[in-house]
C-alpha cells in the first residue's frame, strides 16, 4: 500500500509546483522592475513593464508545462 501513496505523490508533484512557478515569475520580474525604476528614476514604468512581462512569461510556462504533462498522460 505505501507504494501506491508514493506513486500518487510522484504523479501529482509537477502539478503542485505550477502555482509556485507562476507566482515566482511574476514576483521576480516585479522586483526587477522596481529595482530598475530606482536606478533609472523612471517610476513606475519599469515596474509595470516587469510585471506585465512576468505575467506573460509565467502564463506561457504554465500553459507549456500543462500541455506537456497532458501529452505524457496520454501515452
Protein backbone atom coordinates (compact mmCIF):
# COMPACT_ATOMS: atom_id res chain seq x y z
CA UNK A 1 0.00 0.00 0.00
CA UNK A 2 2.78 2.56 0.71
CA UNK A 3 3.98 2.15 -2.88
CA UNK A 4 0.58 3.36 -4.13
CA UNK A 5 0.80 6.51 -1.99
CA UNK A 6 4.31 7.22 -3.23
CA UNK A 7 3.23 6.73 -6.84
CA UNK A 8 0.33 9.17 -6.45
CA UNK A 9 2.66 11.73 -4.89
CA UNK A 10 5.07 11.38 -7.80
CA UNK A 11 2.25 11.86 -10.29
CA UNK A 12 0.94 14.98 -8.52
CA UNK A 13 4.29 16.69 -7.91
CA UNK A 14 4.53 18.51 -11.28
CA UNK A 15 1.02 19.92 -10.86
CA UNK A 16 1.67 21.11 -7.32
CA UNK A 17 4.59 23.27 -8.41
CA UNK A 18 2.75 25.07 -11.22
CA UNK A 19 1.28 27.79 -9.00
CA UNK A 20 4.60 28.48 -7.32
CA UNK A 21 6.34 28.78 -10.70
CA UNK A 22 3.76 31.28 -11.94
CA UNK A 23 3.95 33.34 -8.75
CA UNK A 24 7.75 33.29 -8.78
CA UNK A 25 7.94 34.60 -12.36
CA UNK A 26 5.56 37.46 -11.57
CA UNK A 27 7.25 38.42 -8.29
CA UNK A 28 10.80 38.25 -9.62
CA UNK A 29 10.01 40.48 -12.59
CA UNK A 30 8.05 42.88 -10.35
CA UNK A 31 11.06 43.37 -8.09
CA UNK A 32 13.47 43.61 -11.03
CA UNK A 33 11.25 46.38 -12.41
CA UNK A 34 11.21 48.18 -9.06
CA UNK A 35 14.99 47.95 -8.85
CA UNK A 36 15.34 49.36 -12.38
CA UNK A 37 12.94 52.19 -11.52
CA UNK A 38 15.12 53.12 -8.55
CA UNK A 39 18.28 53.07 -10.69
CA UNK A 40 16.83 54.85 -13.72
CA UNK A 41 14.35 57.13 -11.89
CA UNK A 42 11.51 56.00 -14.18
CA UNK A 43 8.95 55.06 -11.54
CA UNK A 44 6.56 53.19 -12.12
CA UNK A 45 7.20 52.25 -15.77
CA UNK A 46 9.84 49.56 -15.36
CA UNK A 47 7.86 48.01 -12.53
CA UNK A 48 4.71 47.86 -14.68
CA UNK A 49 6.67 46.53 -17.64
CA UNK A 50 8.38 43.92 -15.49
CA UNK A 51 5.04 42.90 -14.00
CA UNK A 52 3.47 42.50 -17.44
CA UNK A 53 6.48 40.55 -18.71
CA UNK A 54 6.40 38.31 -15.63
CA UNK A 55 2.70 37.59 -16.09
CA UNK A 56 3.19 36.77 -19.76
CA UNK A 57 6.25 34.62 -19.22
CA UNK A 58 4.68 32.86 -16.24
CA UNK A 59 1.48 32.08 -18.14
CA UNK A 60 3.46 30.87 -21.14
CA UNK A 61 5.47 28.49 -18.94
CA UNK A 62 2.32 27.39 -17.10
CA UNK A 63 0.48 26.51 -20.31
CA UNK A 64 3.52 24.81 -21.82
CA UNK A 65 4.01 22.66 -18.72
CA UNK A 66 0.33 21.69 -18.56
CA UNK A 67 0.32 20.69 -22.23
CA UNK A 68 3.50 18.63 -21.78
CA UNK A 69 2.01 16.86 -18.76
CA UNK A 70 -1.20 16.15 -20.67
CA UNK A 71 0.81 14.58 -23.50
CA UNK A 72 2.66 12.37 -21.03
CA UNK A 73 -0.62 11.18 -19.51
CA UNK A 74 -1.99 10.21 -22.92
CA UNK A 75 0.91 7.84 -23.55
